[in-house]
PDB file of N, CA and C in Angstrom:
ATOM      1  N   MET A   1      -1.528 -34.060 -68.235  1.00  0.00           N
ATOM      2  CA  MET A   1      -1.516 -35.475 -68.526  1.00  0.00           C
ATOM      3  C   MET A   1      -2.174 -36.258 -67.395  1.00  0.00           C
ATOM      4  N   ALA A   2      -1.802 -35.978 -66.161  1.00  0.00           N
ATOM      5  CA  ALA A   2      -2.303 -36.760 -65.023  1.00  0.00           C
ATOM      6  C   ALA A   2      -3.810 -36.642 -64.869  1.00  0.00           C
ATOM      7  N   GLU A   3      -4.348 -35.496 -65.210  1.00  0.00           N
ATOM      8  CA  GLU A   3      -5.789 -35.301 -65.076  1.00  0.00           C
ATOM      9  C   GLU A   3      -6.566 -36.156 -66.064  1.00  0.00           C
ATOM     10  N   MET A   4      -6.079 -36.281 -67.274  1.00  0.00           N
ATOM     11  CA  MET A   4      -6.802 -37.001 -68.321  1.00  0.00           C
ATOM     12  C   MET A   4      -6.516 -38.505 -68.319  1.00  0.00           C
ATOM     13  N   ALA A   5      -5.375 -38.898 -67.801  1.00  0.00           N
ATOM     14  CA  ALA A   5      -4.965 -40.308 -67.852  1.00  0.00           C
ATOM     15  C   ALA A   5      -5.737 -41.164 -66.856  1.00  0.00           C
ATOM     16  N   ASP A   6      -5.915 -42.419 -67.211  1.00  0.00           N
ATOM     17  CA  ASP A   6      -6.478 -43.394 -66.276  1.00  0.00           C
ATOM     18  C   ASP A   6      -5.378 -43.997 -65.416  1.00  0.00           C
ATOM     19  N   MET A   7      -4.184 -44.116 -66.006  1.00  0.00           N
ATOM     20  CA  MET A   7      -3.003 -44.637 -65.315  1.00  0.00           C
ATOM     21  C   MET A   7      -1.770 -44.200 -66.095  1.00  0.00           C
ATOM     22  N   GLY A   8      -0.591 -44.437 -65.511  1.00  0.00           N
ATOM     23  CA  GLY A   8       0.643 -44.056 -66.176  1.00  0.00           C
ATOM     24  C   GLY A   8       1.531 -45.256 -66.437  1.00  0.00           C
ATOM     25  N   LEU A   9       2.280 -45.198 -67.522  1.00  0.00           N
ATOM     26  CA  LEU A   9       3.314 -46.178 -67.841  1.00  0.00           C
ATOM     27  C   LEU A   9       4.556 -45.369 -68.181  1.00  0.00           C
ATOM     28  N   MET A  10       5.596 -45.542 -67.378  1.00  0.00           N
ATOM     29  CA  MET A  10       6.775 -44.691 -67.524  1.00  0.00           C
ATOM     30  C   MET A  10       8.057 -45.493 -67.482  1.00  0.00           C
ATOM     31  N   ILE A  11       9.059 -44.980 -68.146  1.00  0.00           N
ATOM     32  CA  ILE A  11      10.419 -45.495 -68.067  1.00  0.00           C
ATOM     33  C   ILE A  11      11.193 -44.439 -67.291  1.00  0.00           C
ATOM     34  N   TRP A  12      11.861 -44.861 -66.213  1.00  0.00           N
ATOM     35  CA  TRP A  12      12.514 -43.903 -65.315  1.00  0.00           C
ATOM     36  C   TRP A  12      13.951 -44.296 -65.063  1.00  0.00           C
ATOM     37  N   ASP A  13      14.819 -43.312 -65.108  1.00  0.00           N
ATOM     38  CA  ASP A  13      16.257 -43.536 -64.908  1.00  0.00           C
ATOM     39  C   ASP A  13      16.693 -43.389 -63.450  1.00  0.00           C
ATOM     40  N   ALA A  14      15.744 -43.295 -62.536  1.00  0.00           N
ATOM     41  CA  ALA A  14      15.990 -43.107 -61.100  1.00  0.00           C
ATOM     42  C   ALA A  14      16.609 -41.746 -60.796  1.00  0.00           C
ATOM     43  N   GLU A  15      16.449 -40.801 -61.730  1.00  0.00           N
ATOM     44  CA  GLU A  15      16.954 -39.442 -61.524  1.00  0.00           C
ATOM     45  C   GLU A  15      15.974 -38.373 -62.003  1.00  0.00           C
ATOM     46  N   SER A  16      15.286 -38.624 -63.087  1.00  0.00           N
ATOM     47  CA  SER A  16      14.456 -37.604 -63.717  1.00  0.00           C
ATOM     48  C   SER A  16      13.354 -37.106 -62.794  1.00  0.00           C
ATOM     49  N   THR A  17      13.387 -35.808 -62.523  1.00  0.00           N
ATOM     50  CA  THR A  17      12.345 -35.224 -61.682  1.00  0.00           C
ATOM     51  C   THR A  17      11.048 -35.042 -62.453  1.00  0.00           C
ATOM     52  N   GLY A  18      11.128 -34.949 -63.765  1.00  0.00           N
ATOM     53  CA  GLY A  18       9.909 -34.826 -64.565  1.00  0.00           C
ATOM     54  C   GLY A  18       9.062 -36.080 -64.479  1.00  0.00           C
ATOM     55  N   THR A  19       9.686 -37.222 -64.661  1.00  0.00           N
ATOM     56  CA  THR A  19       8.977 -38.497 -64.564  1.00  0.00           C
ATOM     57  C   THR A  19       8.468 -38.701 -63.141  1.00  0.00           C
ATOM     58  N   LEU A  20       9.302 -38.418 -62.168  1.00  0.00           N
ATOM     59  CA  LEU A  20       8.916 -38.562 -60.770  1.00  0.00           C
ATOM     60  C   LEU A  20       7.732 -37.652 -60.438  1.00  0.00           C
ATOM     61  N   GLY A  21       7.756 -36.441 -60.959  1.00  0.00           N
ATOM     62  CA  GLY A  21       6.637 -35.517 -60.757  1.00  0.00           C
ATOM     63  C   GLY A  21       5.349 -36.054 -61.342  1.00  0.00           C
ATOM     64  N   ASN A  22       5.442 -36.697 -62.508  1.00  0.00           N
ATOM     65  CA  ASN A  22       4.250 -37.288 -63.123  1.00  0.00           C
ATOM     66  C   ASN A  22       3.697 -38.438 -62.281  1.00  0.00           C
ATOM     67  N   ILE A  23       4.580 -39.249 -61.724  1.00  0.00           N
ATOM     68  CA  ILE A  23       4.156 -40.348 -60.855  1.00  0.00           C
ATOM     69  C   ILE A  23       3.401 -39.789 -59.651  1.00  0.00           C
ATOM     70  N   ILE A  24       3.946 -38.742 -59.051  1.00  0.00           N
ATOM     71  CA  ILE A  24       3.324 -38.120 -57.881  1.00  0.00           C
ATOM     72  C   ILE A  24       1.995 -37.474 -58.249  1.00  0.00           C
ATOM     73  N   GLU A  25       1.944 -36.797 -59.392  1.00  0.00           N
ATOM     74  CA  GLU A  25       0.678 -36.173 -59.836  1.00  0.00           C
ATOM     75  C   GLU A  25      -0.413 -37.220 -60.006  1.00  0.00           C
ATOM     76  N   LEU A  26      -0.071 -38.358 -60.574  1.00  0.00           N
ATOM     77  CA  LEU A  26      -1.052 -39.432 -60.715  1.00  0.00           C
ATOM     78  C   LEU A  26      -1.500 -39.947 -59.349  1.00  0.00           C
ATOM     79  N   LEU A  27      -0.552 -40.138 -58.432  1.00  0.00           N
ATOM     80  CA  LEU A  27      -0.908 -40.597 -57.089  1.00  0.00           C
ATOM     81  C   LEU A  27      -1.851 -39.617 -56.399  1.00  0.00           C
ATOM     82  N   MET A  28      -1.600 -38.339 -56.572  1.00  0.00           N
ATOM     83  CA  MET A  28      -2.451 -37.325 -55.956  1.00  0.00           C
ATOM     84  C   MET A  28      -3.888 -37.417 -56.468  1.00  0.00           C
ATOM     85  N   ARG A  29      -4.040 -37.941 -57.662  1.00  0.00           N
ATOM     86  CA  ARG A  29      -5.365 -38.105 -58.274  1.00  0.00           C
ATOM     87  C   ARG A  29      -5.891 -39.528 -58.102  1.00  0.00           C
ATOM     88  N   LYS A  30      -5.261 -40.292 -57.196  1.00  0.00           N
ATOM     89  CA  LYS A  30      -5.670 -41.676 -56.895  1.00  0.00           C
ATOM     90  C   LYS A  30      -5.552 -42.589 -58.117  1.00  0.00           C
ATOM     91  N   LYS A  31      -4.514 -42.349 -58.911  1.00  0.00           N
ATOM     92  CA  LYS A  31      -4.271 -43.148 -60.110  1.00  0.00           C
ATOM     93  C   LYS A  31      -2.926 -43.846 -59.988  1.00  0.00           C
ATOM     94  N   GLN A  32      -2.835 -45.003 -60.567  1.00  0.00           N
ATOM     95  CA  GLN A  32      -1.653 -45.859 -60.484  1.00  0.00           C
ATOM     96  C   GLN A  32      -0.704 -45.632 -61.655  1.00  0.00           C
ATOM     97  N   SER A  33       0.560 -45.893 -61.406  1.00  0.00           N
ATOM     98  CA  SER A  33       1.580 -45.903 -62.453  1.00  0.00           C
ATOM     99  C   SER A  33       2.285 -47.251 -62.435  1.00  0.00           C
ATOM    100  N   THR A  34       2.703 -47.691 -63.595  1.00  0.00           N
ATOM    101  CA  THR A  34       3.642 -48.789 -63.703  1.00  0.00           C
ATOM    102  C   THR A  34       4.916 -48.162 -64.236  1.00  0.00           C
ATOM    103  N   VAL A  35       5.995 -48.349 -63.490  1.00  0.00           N
ATOM    104  CA  VAL A  35       7.251 -47.674 -63.801  1.00  0.00           C
ATOM    105  C   VAL A  35       8.317 -48.723 -64.096  1.00  0.00           C
ATOM    106  N   PHE A  36       8.941 -48.593 -65.261  1.00  0.00           N
ATOM    107  CA  PHE A  36      10.106 -49.422 -65.558  1.00  0.00           C
ATOM    108  C   PHE A  36      11.313 -48.658 -65.038  1.00  0.00           C
ATOM    109  N   VAL A  37      11.931 -49.189 -63.978  1.00  0.00           N
ATOM    110  CA  VAL A  37      13.119 -48.564 -63.400  1.00  0.00           C
ATOM    111  C   VAL A  37      14.310 -49.087 -64.198  1.00  0.00           C
ATOM    112  N   ASN A  38      14.794 -48.258 -65.111  1.00  0.00           N
ATOM    113  CA  ASN A  38      15.831 -48.662 -66.053  1.00  0.00           C
ATOM    114  C   ASN A  38      17.087 -49.159 -65.343  1.00  0.00           C
ATOM    115  N   LYS A  39      17.465 -48.467 -64.284  1.00  0.00           N
ATOM    116  CA  LYS A  39      18.667 -48.808 -63.516  1.00  0.00           C
ATOM    117  C   LYS A  39      18.611 -50.235 -62.967  1.00  0.00           C
ATOM    118  N   ALA A  40      17.424 -50.670 -62.543  1.00  0.00           N
ATOM    119  CA  ALA A  40      17.258 -51.997 -61.945  1.00  0.00           C
ATOM    120  C   ALA A  40      16.696 -53.014 -62.931  1.00  0.00           C
ATOM    121  N   ARG A  41      16.275 -52.533 -64.096  1.00  0.00           N
ATOM    122  CA  ARG A  41      15.697 -53.383 -65.139  1.00  0.00           C
ATOM    123  C   ARG A  41      14.492 -54.170 -64.630  1.00  0.00           C
ATOM    124  N   LEU A  42      13.578 -53.435 -63.961  1.00  0.00           N
ATOM    125  CA  LEU A  42      12.356 -54.081 -63.494  1.00  0.00           C
ATOM    126  C   LEU A  42      11.190 -53.116 -63.489  1.00  0.00           C
ATOM    127  N   PHE A  43       9.993 -53.693 -63.533  1.00  0.00           N
ATOM    128  CA  PHE A  43       8.763 -52.920 -63.466  1.00  0.00           C
ATOM    129  C   PHE A  43       8.293 -52.855 -62.026  1.00  0.00           C
ATOM    130  N   LYS A  44       7.840 -51.683 -61.604  1.00  0.00           N
ATOM    131  CA  LYS A  44       7.286 -51.499 -60.264  1.00  0.00           C
ATOM    132  C   LYS A  44       5.949 -50.769 -60.396  1.00  0.00           C
ATOM    133  N   ASP A  45       4.946 -51.278 -59.701  1.00  0.00           N
ATOM    134  CA  ASP A  45       3.666 -50.585 -59.635  1.00  0.00           C
ATOM    135  C   ASP A  45       3.725 -49.551 -58.529  1.00  0.00           C
ATOM    136  N   VAL A  46       3.136 -48.392 -58.792  1.00  0.00           N
ATOM    137  CA  VAL A  46       3.087 -47.328 -57.794  1.00  0.00           C
ATOM    138  C   VAL A  46       1.633 -46.876 -57.683  1.00  0.00           C
ATOM    139  N   ALA A  47       0.975 -47.379 -56.616  1.00  0.00           N
ATOM    140  CA  ALA A  47      -0.422 -47.036 -56.376  1.00  0.00           C
ATOM    141  C   ALA A  47      -0.630 -46.408 -54.996  1.00  0.00           C
ATOM    142  N   ASN A  48       0.470 -46.288 -54.217  1.00  0.00           N
ATOM    143  CA  ASN A  48       0.371 -45.690 -52.888  1.00  0.00           C
ATOM    144  C   ASN A  48       1.745 -45.151 -52.483  1.00  0.00           C
ATOM    145  N   VAL A  49       1.790 -44.469 -51.346  1.00  0.00           N
ATOM    146  CA  VAL A  49       3.033 -43.840 -50.896  1.00  0.00           C
ATOM    147  C   VAL A  49       4.110 -44.879 -50.595  1.00  0.00           C
ATOM    148  N   LYS A  50       3.727 -45.997 -50.020  1.00  0.00           N
ATOM    149  CA  LYS A  50       4.713 -47.041 -49.718  1.00  0.00           C
ATOM    150  C   LYS A  50       5.423 -47.490 -50.995  1.00  0.00           C
ATOM    151  N   GLN A  51       4.662 -47.702 -52.057  1.00  0.00           N
ATOM    152  CA  GLN A  51       5.267 -48.120 -53.326  1.00  0.00           C
ATOM    153  C   GLN A  51       6.094 -46.985 -53.941  1.00  0.00           C
ATOM    154  N   LEU A  52       5.676 -45.741 -53.748  1.00  0.00           N
ATOM    155  CA  LEU A  52       6.475 -44.601 -54.207  1.00  0.00           C
ATOM    156  C   LEU A  52       7.819 -44.598 -53.484  1.00  0.00           C
ATOM    157  N   GLU A  53       7.792 -44.798 -52.178  1.00  0.00           N
ATOM    158  CA  GLU A  53       9.033 -44.815 -51.410  1.00  0.00           C
ATOM    159  C   GLU A  53       9.933 -45.979 -51.831  1.00  0.00           C
ATOM    160  N   GLU A  54       9.334 -47.085 -52.246  1.00  0.00           N
ATOM    161  CA  GLU A  54      10.136 -48.215 -52.731  1.00  0.00           C
ATOM    162  C   GLU A  54      10.916 -47.839 -53.987  1.00  0.00           C
ATOM    163  N   ILE A  55      10.278 -47.131 -54.916  1.00  0.00           N
ATOM    164  CA  ILE A  55      11.037 -46.764 -56.124  1.00  0.00           C
ATOM    165  C   ILE A  55      12.047 -45.659 -55.828  1.00  0.00           C
ATOM    166  N   LEU A  56      11.767 -44.828 -54.817  1.00  0.00           N
ATOM    167  CA  LEU A  56      12.733 -43.789 -54.446  1.00  0.00           C
ATOM    168  C   LEU A  56      14.020 -44.399 -53.907  1.00  0.00           C
ATOM    169  N   SER A  57      13.959 -45.641 -53.443  1.00  0.00           N
ATOM    170  CA  SER A  57      15.163 -46.300 -52.928  1.00  0.00           C
ATOM    171  C   SER A  57      16.201 -46.523 -54.031  1.00  0.00           C
ATOM    172  N   PHE A  58      15.783 -46.435 -55.286  1.00  0.00           N
ATOM    173  CA  PHE A  58      16.724 -46.576 -56.404  1.00  0.00           C
ATOM    174  C   PHE A  58      17.480 -45.276 -56.684  1.00  0.00           C
ATOM    175  N   MET A  59      17.038 -44.177 -56.074  1.00  0.00           N
ATOM    176  CA  MET A  59      17.668 -42.877 -56.298  1.00  0.00           C
ATOM    177  C   MET A  59      18.886 -42.699 -55.393  1.00  0.00           C
ATOM    178  N   SER A  60      19.867 -41.996 -55.895  1.00  0.00           N
ATOM    179  CA  SER A  60      21.004 -41.601 -55.054  1.00  0.00           C
ATOM    180  C   SER A  60      20.540 -40.464 -54.139  1.00  0.00           C
ATOM    181  N   GLU A  61      21.281 -40.214 -53.084  1.00  0.00           N
ATOM    182  CA  GLU A  61      20.939 -39.105 -52.185  1.00  0.00           C
ATOM    183  C   GLU A  61      20.995 -37.778 -52.932  1.00  0.00           C
ATOM    184  N   ALA A  62      21.964 -37.627 -53.826  1.00  0.00           N
ATOM    185  CA  ALA A  62      22.084 -36.391 -54.610  1.00  0.00           C
ATOM    186  C   ALA A  62      20.856 -36.199 -55.499  1.00  0.00           C
ATOM    187  N   ALA A  63      20.371 -37.273 -56.110  1.00  0.00           N
ATOM    188  CA  ALA A  63      19.178 -37.192 -56.962  1.00  0.00           C
ATOM    189  C   ALA A  63      17.939 -36.845 -56.128  1.00  0.00           C
ATOM    190  N   LYS A  64      17.857 -37.386 -54.916  1.00  0.00           N
ATOM    191  CA  LYS A  64      16.734 -37.051 -54.030  1.00  0.00           C
ATOM    192  C   LYS A  64      16.759 -35.577 -53.665  1.00  0.00           C
ATOM    193  N   GLU A  65      17.946 -35.053 -53.350  1.00  0.00           N
ATOM    194  CA  GLU A  65      18.072 -33.629 -53.011  1.00  0.00           C
ATOM    195  C   GLU A  65      17.700 -32.755 -54.203  1.00  0.00           C
ATOM    196  N   LYS A  66      18.133 -33.165 -55.402  1.00  0.00           N
ATOM    197  CA  LYS A  66      17.773 -32.434 -56.612  1.00  0.00           C
ATOM    198  C   LYS A  66      16.258 -32.458 -56.792  1.00  0.00           C
ATOM    199  N   GLY A  67      15.649 -33.623 -56.571  1.00  0.00           N
ATOM    200  CA  GLY A  67      14.199 -33.747 -56.669  1.00  0.00           C
ATOM    201  C   GLY A  67      13.486 -32.871 -55.662  1.00  0.00           C
ATOM    202  N   ASN A  68      14.061 -32.764 -54.479  1.00  0.00           N
ATOM    203  CA  ASN A  68      13.457 -31.925 -53.457  1.00  0.00           C
ATOM    204  C   ASN A  68      13.505 -30.455 -53.856  1.00  0.00           C
ATOM    205  N   LYS A  69      14.620 -30.029 -54.430  1.00  0.00           N
ATOM    206  CA  LYS A  69      14.755 -28.634 -54.870  1.00  0.00           C
ATOM    207  C   LYS A  69      13.831 -28.325 -56.051  1.00  0.00           C
ATOM    208  N   LYS A  70      13.756 -29.247 -57.002  1.00  0.00           N
ATOM    209  CA  LYS A  70      12.992 -28.978 -58.227  1.00  0.00           C
ATOM    210  C   LYS A  70      11.488 -29.175 -58.081  1.00  0.00           C
ATOM    211  N   ILE A  71      11.065 -30.233 -57.374  1.00  0.00           N
ATOM    212  CA  ILE A  71       9.620 -30.533 -57.310  1.00  0.00           C
ATOM    213  C   ILE A  71       9.098 -30.664 -55.880  1.00  0.00           C
ATOM    214  N   LYS A  72       9.916 -30.203 -54.902  1.00  0.00           N
ATOM    215  CA  LYS A  72       9.509 -30.291 -53.491  1.00  0.00           C
ATOM    216  C   LYS A  72       9.141 -31.731 -53.115  1.00  0.00           C
ATOM    217  N   LEU A  73      10.005 -32.651 -53.467  1.00  0.00           N
ATOM    218  CA  LEU A  73       9.777 -34.082 -53.317  1.00  0.00           C
ATOM    219  C   LEU A  73       9.350 -34.468 -51.906  1.00  0.00           C
ATOM    220  N   PHE A  74      10.106 -34.040 -50.906  1.00  0.00           N
ATOM    221  CA  PHE A  74       9.842 -34.486 -49.535  1.00  0.00           C
ATOM    222  C   PHE A  74       8.501 -33.977 -49.011  1.00  0.00           C
ATOM    223  N   SER A  75       8.176 -32.723 -49.276  1.00  0.00           N
ATOM    224  CA  SER A  75       6.893 -32.196 -48.791  1.00  0.00           C
ATOM    225  C   SER A  75       5.720 -32.830 -49.542  1.00  0.00           C
ATOM    226  N   ARG A  76       5.899 -33.165 -50.803  1.00  0.00           N
ATOM    227  CA  ARG A  76       4.828 -33.823 -51.556  1.00  0.00           C
ATOM    228  C   ARG A  76       4.578 -35.236 -51.040  1.00  0.00           C
ATOM    229  N   ILE A  77       5.638 -35.928 -50.656  1.00  0.00           N
ATOM    230  CA  ILE A  77       5.481 -37.262 -50.081  1.00  0.00           C
ATOM    231  C   ILE A  77       4.730 -37.163 -48.752  1.00  0.00           C
ATOM    232  N   GLU A  78       5.101 -36.205 -47.924  1.00  0.00           N
ATOM    233  CA  GLU A  78       4.417 -36.025 -46.642  1.00  0.00           C
ATOM    234  C   GLU A  78       2.946 -35.687 -46.855  1.00  0.00           C
ATOM    235  N   SER A  79       2.664 -34.878 -47.851  1.00  0.00           N
ATOM    236  CA  SER A  79       1.278 -34.529 -48.165  1.00  0.00           C
ATOM    237  C   SER A  79       0.484 -35.767 -48.588  1.00  0.00           C
ATOM    238  N   LEU A  80       1.093 -36.611 -49.413  1.00  0.00           N
ATOM    239  CA  LEU A  80       0.441 -37.854 -49.834  1.00  0.00           C
ATOM    240  C   LEU A  80       0.213 -38.784 -48.647  1.00  0.00           C
ATOM    241  N   LYS A  81       1.190 -38.870 -47.751  1.00  0.00           N
ATOM    242  CA  LYS A  81       1.038 -39.709 -46.559  1.00  0.00           C
ATOM    243  C   LYS A  81      -0.134 -39.221 -45.720  1.00  0.00           C
ATOM    244  N   HIS A  82      -0.212 -37.917 -45.521  1.00  0.00           N
ATOM    245  CA  HIS A  82      -1.289 -37.331 -44.723  1.00  0.00           C
ATOM    246  C   HIS A  82      -2.644 -37.604 -45.375  1.00  0.00           C
ATOM    247  N   GLU A  83      -2.699 -37.430 -46.688  1.00  0.00           N
ATOM    248  CA  GLU A  83      -3.949 -37.662 -47.425  1.00  0.00           C
ATOM    249  C   GLU A  83      -4.384 -39.118 -47.317  1.00  0.00           C
ATOM    250  N   GLN A  84      -3.445 -40.056 -47.463  1.00  0.00           N
ATOM    251  CA  GLN A  84      -3.791 -41.471 -47.368  1.00  0.00           C
ATOM    252  C   GLN A  84      -4.194 -41.845 -45.945  1.00  0.00           C
ATOM    253  N   LEU A  85      -3.570 -41.235 -44.949  1.00  0.00           N
ATOM    254  CA  LEU A  85      -3.942 -41.489 -43.567  1.00  0.00           C
ATOM    255  C   LEU A  85      -5.362 -41.000 -43.298  1.00  0.00           C
ATOM    256  N   MET A  86      -5.717 -39.843 -43.832  1.00  0.00           N
ATOM    257  CA  MET A  86      -7.054 -39.294 -43.655  1.00  0.00           C
ATOM    258  C   MET A  86      -8.101 -40.195 -44.325  1.00  0.00           C
ATOM    259  N   PHE A  87      -7.711 -40.814 -45.436  1.00  0.00           N
ATOM    260  CA  PHE A  87      -8.624 -41.709 -46.154  1.00  0.00           C
ATOM    261  C   PHE A  87      -8.892 -42.972 -45.331  1.00  0.00           C
ATOM    262  N   VAL A  88      -7.842 -43.457 -44.665  1.00  0.00           N
ATOM    263  CA  VAL A  88      -7.969 -44.684 -43.868  1.00  0.00           C
ATOM    264  C   VAL A  88      -8.654 -44.404 -42.538  1.00  0.00           C
ATOM    265  N   MET A  89      -8.347 -43.272 -41.929  1.00  0.00           N
ATOM    266  CA  MET A  89      -8.894 -42.941 -40.619  1.00  0.00           C
ATOM    267  C   MET A  89      -9.859 -41.760 -40.764  1.00  0.00           C
ATOM    268  N   PRO A  90     -11.166 -42.004 -40.728  1.00  0.00           N
ATOM    269  CA  PRO A  90     -12.130 -40.914 -40.887  1.00  0.00           C
ATOM    270  C   PRO A  90     -11.959 -39.848 -39.808  1.00  0.00           C
ATOM    271  N   MET A  91     -12.358 -38.633 -40.138  1.00  0.00           N
ATOM    272  CA  MET A  91     -12.262 -37.524 -39.198  1.00  0.00           C
ATOM    273  C   MET A  91     -13.096 -37.822 -37.958  1.00  0.00           C
ATOM    274  N   GLY A  92     -12.616 -37.367 -36.818  1.00  0.00           N
ATOM    275  CA  GLY A  92     -13.310 -37.566 -35.568  1.00  0.00           C
ATOM    276  C   GLY A  92     -12.877 -38.809 -34.829  1.00  0.00           C
ATOM    277  N   HIS A  93     -11.912 -39.551 -35.380  1.00  0.00           N
ATOM    278  CA  HIS A  93     -11.416 -40.767 -34.715  1.00  0.00           C
ATOM    279  C   HIS A  93      -9.991 -40.586 -34.291  1.00  0.00           C
TER     280      HIS A  93
END
C-alpha cells in the first residue's frame, strides 16, 4: 500500500500496530499521512518524525512496548530520525 499511495488517511485507536506500521512505511517513502486519532477525536498530519512522535504521545506505555515488540517501533523511529538528519545535513559536514 505505502509504495503505491501518494498519501495516507487513517483512523487510529492509539494502539493498533498495523495502522502505526503503515504510517511509518509512508514516512520512510517521504509520504504524508493524515491520521484521525479516535481517542482524542482529532486529525493530525504526519509528515516527519516530530509529528510521528506527537501522535505517539496518545499511546499508553504498554501500547508502545507492544508496538516495539511487533514492529520494532523504537528502532524504526531512530532510523527515520537518522534519515531525516542526513537529508538536512549533507555528508561531509
